[in-house]
Amino acid sequence: MNADMAQRIASHPKYIELKSRRTRFGWWLTALMMIVYYGFIMLVAFKKDLLSTKLGAGVMTLGMPIGLGVILFTIVITGIYVRRANSEFDELTEDIRKAVM
């Protein structure tokens, strides 16, 4: 890619919109993940008694499903990002490619 094409892409209004949307969405997902992850870590640090509460007569404690929930939350928000990237972000990218070429 030459400097002229890079400049045309960087100055294209749809590219600026794509960067803005993708960045804003990424920060929202990052904030959600930080809240969930550090919320769990804070529970581990300050509410050990809550997490060690037994569920039923076995060895399962409340911390296990909560920890699994953190992992599942990560998978879900990754899926949400991929879905949006494959639709909205890819459409904008294709529009930019058509306009610049």
C-alpha atoms as a PDB file:
ATOM      1  CA  MET A   1       0.000   0.000   0.000  1.00  0.00           C
ATOM      2  CA  ASN A   2       1.428   3.358  -0.940  1.00  0.00           C
ATOM      3  CA  ALA A   3       1.310   6.511   1.175  1.00  0.00           C
ATOM      4  CA  ASP A   4      -1.357   8.120  -1.027  1.00  0.00           C
ATOM      5  CA  MET A   5      -3.801   5.242  -0.544  1.00  0.00           C
ATOM      6  CA  ALA A   6      -3.109   5.123   3.189  1.00  0.00           C
ATOM      7  CA  GLN A   7      -3.840   8.845   3.395  1.00  0.00           C
ATOM      8  CA  ARG A   8      -7.101   8.437   1.421  1.00  0.00           C
ATOM      9  CA  ILE A   9      -8.203   5.634   3.746  1.00  0.00           C
ATOM     10  CA  ALA A  10      -7.248   7.542   6.906  1.00  0.00           C
ATOM     11  CA  SER A  11      -9.138  10.643   5.795  1.00  0.00           C
ATOM     12  CA  HIS A  12     -12.254   8.806   4.576  1.00  0.00           C
ATOM     13  CA  PRO A  13     -15.314   9.646   6.758  1.00  0.00           C
ATOM     14  CA  LYS A  14     -16.405   6.001   6.952  1.00  0.00           C
ATOM     15  CA  TYR A  15     -12.954   4.983   8.186  1.00  0.00           C
ATOM     16  CA  ILE A  16     -13.126   7.600  10.913  1.00  0.00           C
ATOM     17  CA  GLU A  17     -16.609   6.316  11.808  1.00  0.00           C
ATOM     18  CA  LEU A  18     -15.348   2.700  11.830  1.00  0.00           C
ATOM     19  CA  LYS A  19     -12.446   3.567  14.126  1.00  0.00           C
ATOM     20  CA  SER A  20     -14.725   5.478  16.467  1.00  0.00           C
ATOM     21  CA  ARG A  21     -17.402   2.766  16.674  1.00  0.00           C
ATOM     22  CA  ARG A  22     -14.931  -0.076  17.060  1.00  0.00           C
ATOM     23  CA  THR A  23     -12.936   1.741  19.727  1.00  0.00           C
ATOM     24  CA  ARG A  24     -16.005   2.801  21.698  1.00  0.00           C
ATOM     25  CA  PHE A  25     -17.484  -0.721  21.544  1.00  0.00           C
ATOM     26  CA  GLY A  26     -14.161  -2.253  22.561  1.00  0.00           C
ATOM     27  CA  TRP A  27     -13.888   0.019  25.588  1.00  0.00           C
ATOM     28  CA  TRP A  28     -17.452  -0.847  26.683  1.00  0.00           C
ATOM     29  CA  LEU A  29     -16.696  -4.556  26.497  1.00  0.00           C
ATOM     30  CA  THR A  30     -13.400  -4.024  28.280  1.00  0.00           C
ATOM     31  CA  ALA A  31     -15.145  -2.127  31.080  1.00  0.00           C
ATOM     32  CA  LEU A  32     -17.743  -4.880  31.451  1.00  0.00           C
ATOM     33  CA  MET A  33     -15.055  -7.554  31.565  1.00  0.00           C
ATOM     34  CA  MET A  34     -13.045  -5.600  34.137  1.00  0.00           C
ATOM     35  CA  ILE A  35     -16.113  -5.188  36.351  1.00  0.00           C
ATOM     36  CA  VAL A  36     -16.933  -8.901  36.193  1.00  0.00           C
ATOM     37  CA  TYR A  37     -13.352 -10.123  36.607  1.00  0.00           C
ATOM     38  CA  TYR A  38     -12.283  -7.719  39.334  1.00  0.00           C
ATOM     39  CA  GLY A  39     -15.652  -8.145  41.024  1.00  0.00           C
ATOM     40  CA  PHE A  40     -14.866 -11.847  41.288  1.00  0.00           C
ATOM     41  CA  ILE A  41     -11.339 -11.124  42.531  1.00  0.00           C
ATOM     42  CA  MET A  42     -12.765  -8.742  45.152  1.00  0.00           C
ATOM     43  CA  LEU A  43     -15.122 -11.491  46.297  1.00  0.00           C
ATOM     44  CA  VAL A  44     -12.158 -13.851  46.600  1.00  0.00           C
ATOM     45  CA  ALA A  45     -10.232 -11.253  48.591  1.00  0.00           C
ATOM     46  CA  PHE A  46     -12.960  -9.968  50.877  1.00  0.00           C
ATOM     47  CA  LYS A  47     -15.846 -12.459  50.935  1.00  0.00           C
ATOM     48  CA  LYS A  48     -14.183 -15.851  51.208  1.00  0.00           C
ATOM     49  CA  ASP A  49     -16.961 -16.998  53.518  1.00  0.00           C
ATOM     50  CA  LEU A  50     -19.568 -16.279  50.825  1.00  0.00           C
ATOM     51  CA  LEU A  51     -17.631 -18.115  48.108  1.00  0.00           C
ATOM     52  CA  SER A  52     -16.961 -21.090  50.384  1.00  0.00           C
ATOM     53  CA  THR A  53     -20.680 -21.579  51.085  1.00  0.00           C
ATOM     54  CA  LYS A  54     -21.489 -25.184  50.219  1.00  0.00           C
ATOM     55  CA  LEU A  55     -24.176 -25.925  47.670  1.00  0.00           C
ATOM     56  CA  GLY A  56     -25.928 -29.120  48.666  1.00  0.00           C
ATOM     57  CA  ALA A  57     -24.296 -32.033  50.428  1.00  0.00           C
ATOM     58  CA  GLY A  58     -21.320 -32.428  48.065  1.00  0.00           C
ATOM     59  CA  VAL A  59     -18.102 -30.518  47.641  1.00  0.00           C
ATOM     60  CA  MET A  60     -19.518 -27.797  45.353  1.00  0.00           C
ATOM     61  CA  THR A  61     -19.179 -24.280  46.753  1.00  0.00           C
ATOM     62  CA  LEU A  62     -20.741 -21.050  45.537  1.00  0.00           C
ATOM     63  CA  GLY A  63     -17.351 -19.916  44.227  1.00  0.00           C
ATOM     64  CA  MET A  64     -17.256 -22.644  41.584  1.00  0.00           C
ATOM     65  CA  PRO A  65     -20.359 -21.604  39.617  1.00  0.00           C
ATOM     66  CA  ILE A  66     -19.467 -17.936  40.023  1.00  0.00           C
ATOM     67  CA  GLY A  67     -15.981 -18.632  38.617  1.00  0.00           C
ATOM     68  CA  LEU A  68     -17.530 -20.607  35.770  1.00  0.00           C
ATOM     69  CA  GLY A  69     -19.857 -17.648  35.201  1.00  0.00           C
ATOM     70  CA  VAL A  70     -16.840 -15.361  34.742  1.00  0.00           C
ATOM     71  CA  ILE A  71     -15.430 -17.730  32.114  1.00  0.00           C
ATOM     72  CA  LEU A  72     -18.791 -18.014  30.339  1.00  0.00           C
ATOM     73  CA  PHE A  73     -19.208 -14.225  30.424  1.00  0.00           C
ATOM     74  CA  THR A  74     -15.846 -13.897  28.666  1.00  0.00           C
ATOM     75  CA  ILE A  75     -16.958 -16.325  25.954  1.00  0.00           C
ATOM     76  CA  VAL A  76     -20.277 -14.496  25.519  1.00  0.00           C
ATOM     77  CA  ILE A  77     -18.767 -11.032  25.146  1.00  0.00           C
ATOM     78  CA  THR A  78     -16.188 -12.427  22.709  1.00  0.00           C
ATOM     79  CA  GLY A  79     -19.071 -13.822  20.667  1.00  0.00           C
ATOM     80  CA  ILE A  80     -20.853 -10.471  20.809  1.00  0.00           C
ATOM     81  CA  TYR A  81     -17.741  -8.700  19.527  1.00  0.00           C
ATOM     82  CA  VAL A  82     -17.195 -11.241  16.739  1.00  0.00           C
ATOM     83  CA  ARG A  83     -20.827 -10.995  15.656  1.00  0.00           C
ATOM     84  CA  ARG A  84     -20.691  -7.207  15.491  1.00  0.00           C
ATOM     85  CA  ALA A  85     -17.297  -7.264  13.768  1.00  0.00           C
ATOM     86  CA  ASN A  86     -18.555  -9.705  11.142  1.00  0.00           C
ATOM     87  CA  SER A  87     -21.602  -7.603  10.376  1.00  0.00           C
ATOM     88  CA  GLU A  88     -21.382  -3.886  11.101  1.00  0.00           C
ATOM     89  CA  PHE A  89     -17.595  -3.460  11.085  1.00  0.00           C
ATOM     90  CA  ASP A  90     -17.068  -5.631   7.998  1.00  0.00           C
ATOM     91  CA  GLU A  91     -19.765  -3.704   6.117  1.00  0.00           C
ATOM     92  CA  LEU A  92     -18.053  -0.408   6.908  1.00  0.00           C
ATOM     93  CA  THR A  93     -14.697  -1.871   5.893  1.00  0.00           C
ATOM     94  CA  GLU A  94     -16.136  -3.038   2.584  1.00  0.00           C
ATOM     95  CA  ASP A  95     -17.680   0.417   1.967  1.00  0.00           C
ATOM     96  CA  ILE A  96     -14.293   2.016   2.633  1.00  0.00           C
ATOM     97  CA  ARG A  97     -12.523  -0.450   0.331  1.00  0.00           C
ATOM     98  CA  LYS A  98     -14.976   0.242  -2.518  1.00  0.00           C
ATOM     99  CA  ALA A  99     -14.748   4.002  -2.070  1.00  0.00           C
ATOM    100  CA  VAL A 100     -10.952   4.131  -1.943  1.00  0.00           C
ATOM    101  CA  MET A 101     -10.205   1.650  -4.713  1.00  0.00           C
END
